[in-house]
Protein backbone atom coordinates (compact mmCIF):
# COMPACT_ATOMS: atom_id res chain seq x y z
CA PHE A 1 -10.63 13.80 -6.52
CA THR A 2 -14.10 12.94 -5.22
CA SER A 3 -15.24 11.80 -8.66
CA LEU A 4 -12.22 9.49 -8.96
CA LEU A 5 -13.22 7.74 -5.76
CA ASN A 6 -16.82 7.34 -6.89
CA PRO A 7 -16.82 3.67 -7.91
CA GLU A 8 -19.76 4.15 -10.26
CA ILE A 9 -17.80 6.39 -12.64
CA HIS A 10 -14.17 5.37 -12.15
CA PRO A 11 -12.55 4.22 -15.42
CA MET A 12 -10.66 1.37 -13.71
CA LEU A 13 -13.81 -0.26 -12.33
CA GLY A 14 -14.18 -3.77 -13.72
CA ARG A 15 -10.89 -3.64 -15.60
CA LYS A 16 -8.75 -6.80 -15.45
CA LEU A 17 -5.05 -6.04 -15.03
CA ALA A 18 -2.29 -8.42 -16.09
CA GLY A 19 -5.06 -10.79 -17.12
CA ARG A 20 -5.83 -11.68 -13.51
CA TYR A 21 -6.53 -8.73 -11.14
CA ALA A 22 -10.15 -7.61 -11.50
CA VAL A 23 -10.61 -4.09 -10.09
CA VAL A 24 -13.53 -4.01 -7.63
CA LYS A 25 -13.38 -0.44 -6.35
CA PRO A 26 -11.03 2.49 -5.82
CA LEU A 27 -9.60 2.85 -2.30
CA ALA A 28 -7.47 6.00 -2.33
CA GLU A 29 -5.59 8.46 -4.47
CA GLY A 30 -2.39 10.30 -3.62
CA GLY A 31 0.26 12.36 -5.32
CA PHE A 32 2.07 9.39 -6.84
CA GLY A 33 -0.68 6.90 -7.45
CA GLU A 34 -4.02 5.30 -6.84
CA THR A 35 -4.94 2.15 -4.94
CA PHE A 36 -7.74 -0.25 -5.76
CA LEU A 37 -9.37 -3.22 -4.16
CA ALA A 38 -9.14 -6.10 -6.62
CA GLU A 39 -9.75 -9.82 -6.86
CA ASP A 40 -7.09 -12.27 -8.01
CA THR A 41 -9.09 -14.31 -10.51
CA HIS A 42 -6.27 -16.85 -10.98
CA LEU A 43 -6.54 -18.18 -7.44
CA PRO A 44 -9.31 -20.30 -5.90
CA ASP A 45 -12.08 -18.18 -4.36
CA SER A 46 -10.62 -15.03 -6.05
CA PRO A 47 -9.05 -13.56 -2.88
CA GLN A 48 -9.01 -9.79 -2.49
CA CYS A 49 -5.81 -7.83 -2.86
CA VAL A 50 -4.71 -4.23 -3.23
CA VAL A 51 -3.48 -3.06 -6.61
CA LYS A 52 -1.45 0.13 -6.58
CA LYS A 53 -1.14 2.09 -9.82
CA LEU A 54 1.78 4.49 -10.01
CA LYS A 55 1.02 7.76 -11.79
CA THR A 56 3.35 8.53 -14.65
CA GLY A 57 1.77 11.87 -15.66
CA SER A 58 3.48 11.74 -19.04
CA GLN A 59 4.73 9.45 -21.77
CA GLU A 60 8.09 11.27 -21.87
CA PRO A 61 10.83 8.59 -21.95
CA ALA A 62 12.99 10.23 -19.25
CA LEU A 63 10.03 10.53 -16.87
CA LEU A 64 8.90 6.96 -17.57
CA GLN A 65 12.43 5.77 -16.76
CA THR A 66 12.30 7.60 -13.39
CA VAL A 67 8.86 6.18 -12.60
CA ARG A 68 10.04 2.69 -13.57
CA ARG A 69 13.05 3.09 -11.24
CA LEU A 70 10.82 4.17 -8.30
CA PHE A 71 8.37 1.38 -9.09
CA ASP A 72 11.12 -1.25 -9.20
CA SER A 73 12.59 0.15 -5.97
CA GLU A 74 9.29 -0.19 -4.09
CA ALA A 75 8.77 -3.71 -5.42
CA LYS A 76 12.32 -4.68 -4.45
CA VAL A 77 11.88 -3.32 -0.91
CA LEU A 78 8.52 -5.05 -0.42
CA HIS A 79 10.01 -8.30 -1.64
CA GLN A 80 13.07 -7.82 0.60
CA LEU A 81 10.83 -7.28 3.63
CA GLY A 82 9.31 -10.66 2.87
CA ASP A 83 6.68 -12.19 5.05
CA HIS A 84 6.71 -10.02 8.17
CA PRO A 85 3.20 -10.29 9.65
CA GLN A 86 2.90 -6.48 9.96
CA ILE A 87 3.85 -5.63 6.36
CA PRO A 88 1.63 -6.45 3.36
CA ARG A 89 3.11 -9.22 1.25
CA LEU A 90 4.05 -8.33 -2.33
CA LEU A 91 2.07 -10.54 -4.69
CA ALA A 92 3.24 -9.16 -8.04
CA HIS A 93 4.61 -6.14 -9.84
CA PHE A 94 3.87 -5.61 -13.50
CA GLU A 95 3.36 -3.16 -16.34
CA ASP A 96 0.08 -2.99 -18.24
CA GLU A 97 -0.33 -0.58 -21.18
CA GLU A 98 2.72 1.48 -20.08
CA GLU A 99 1.29 1.86 -16.57
CA PHE A 100 3.03 0.45 -13.49
CA TYR A 101 1.25 -1.68 -10.88
CA LEU A 102 1.98 -3.46 -7.60
CA ALA A 103 -0.32 -6.16 -6.24
CA GLU A 104 -0.15 -6.57 -2.47
CA GLU A 105 -1.89 -8.47 0.26
CA TYR A 106 -5.14 -6.77 1.30
CA VAL A 107 -5.22 -5.81 4.98
CA GLU A 108 -8.79 -5.57 6.22
CA GLY A 109 -9.12 -2.96 8.95
CA GLU A 110 -9.11 0.75 9.60
CA SER A 111 -6.28 3.24 9.54
CA LEU A 112 -4.87 4.67 12.73
CA ALA A 113 -5.99 8.07 11.36
CA ASP A 114 -9.60 6.84 11.61
CA GLU A 115 -9.01 5.26 15.02
CA LEU A 116 -7.51 8.33 16.67
CA LEU A 117 -9.85 11.27 17.19
CA ALA A 118 -8.52 14.79 16.63
CA GLY A 119 -7.92 16.51 19.95
CA GLU A 120 -8.44 13.30 21.92
CA GLN A 121 -6.04 12.92 24.82
CA LEU A 122 -4.84 9.34 25.12
CA GLU A 123 -4.06 7.57 28.35
CA GLU A 124 -0.39 6.85 28.96
CA GLY A 125 -0.88 3.08 28.74
CA ARG A 126 -2.54 3.36 25.33
CA VAL A 127 0.24 5.61 24.02
CA ILE A 128 2.89 3.16 25.25
CA GLN A 129 1.06 0.27 23.57
CA LEU A 130 0.74 2.21 20.28
CA LEU A 131 4.44 3.06 20.33
CA HIS A 132 5.35 -0.55 21.12
CA ASP A 133 3.25 -1.81 18.19
CA ILE A 134 4.70 0.75 15.77
CA LEU A 135 8.29 0.33 16.92
CA GLU A 136 8.03 -3.46 16.64
CA VAL A 137 7.50 -3.28 12.87
CA LEU A 138 9.86 -0.31 12.39
CA SER A 139 12.63 -2.21 14.13
CA PHE A 140 12.27 -5.02 11.59
CA VAL A 141 12.19 -2.57 8.67
CA HIS A 142 15.36 -0.86 9.89
CA GLU A 143 17.10 -4.21 10.42
CA GLN A 144 16.53 -4.77 6.69
CA GLN A 145 18.38 -1.48 5.97
CA VAL A 146 15.18 0.28 4.87
CA ILE A 147 13.80 3.64 5.97
CA HIS A 148 10.07 4.13 5.37
CA ARG A 149 10.06 7.98 5.32
CA ASP A 150 6.28 8.35 5.46
CA ILE A 151 5.21 7.11 8.90
CA LYS A 152 1.83 8.64 9.66
CA PRO A 153 -1.49 7.40 11.05
CA SER A 154 -3.02 6.87 7.60
CA ASN A 155 -0.14 4.48 6.71
CA LEU A 156 -0.81 2.26 9.72
CA ILE A 157 -3.79 -0.10 9.45
CA ARG A 158 -5.29 -1.77 12.53
CA ARG A 159 -5.90 -5.25 11.11
CA LYS A 160 -9.41 -6.45 11.90
CA ARG A 161 -8.63 -10.12 12.59
CA ASP A 162 -5.94 -9.65 15.25
CA ARG A 163 -5.90 -5.86 15.98
CA LYS A 164 -2.17 -5.64 15.06
CA LEU A 165 -0.85 -2.52 13.33
CA VAL A 166 0.31 -3.09 9.76
CA LEU A 167 2.65 -0.63 8.03
CA ILE A 168 1.62 0.19 4.45
CA ASP A 169 2.70 2.43 1.57
CA PHE A 170 6.38 1.90 1.02
CA GLY A 171 6.37 4.29 -1.96
CA ALA A 172 8.71 6.74 -0.23
CA VAL A 173 11.19 4.20 1.07
CA LYS A 174 14.90 4.79 0.88
CA GLN A 175 17.30 1.93 1.22
CA VAL A 176 20.19 2.71 3.53
CA THR A 177 23.48 2.63 1.63
């Protein structure tokens, strides 16, 4: 795991995906994928974005079909959630060499997991404000008939420019039927 996050030896470093997303550095790796900071070379000033690569683990057709379904589901949900200011905007979803990718708006900031210290007791006012901020975005998500299913401090980013909480990682979403 540590070697995969070492940008000097990561195989994705410098790779251009879909002919436009130049991988700058790895950001994280989880059970179902990896995320990378990238630059969109087709836009002026090459703005940064996050590219999420879904792990397939195999070239078996049945497994690839399942991964494609999950991939399409996440892309559909992100697109459905649209332009809410506390959800990263979906920029693209694509396949490249039988791998599945999502390109999303990059949210500069730190995760709530980094902000909250283990064992730290928070004042009541701060807890109420945190809950208000989280419930504000969750209310919108639920109004769109979507359940996130992976709410945790590492999936909430405190955006640097306005200090708002942004909900990320919709990989485990389930649309309400």
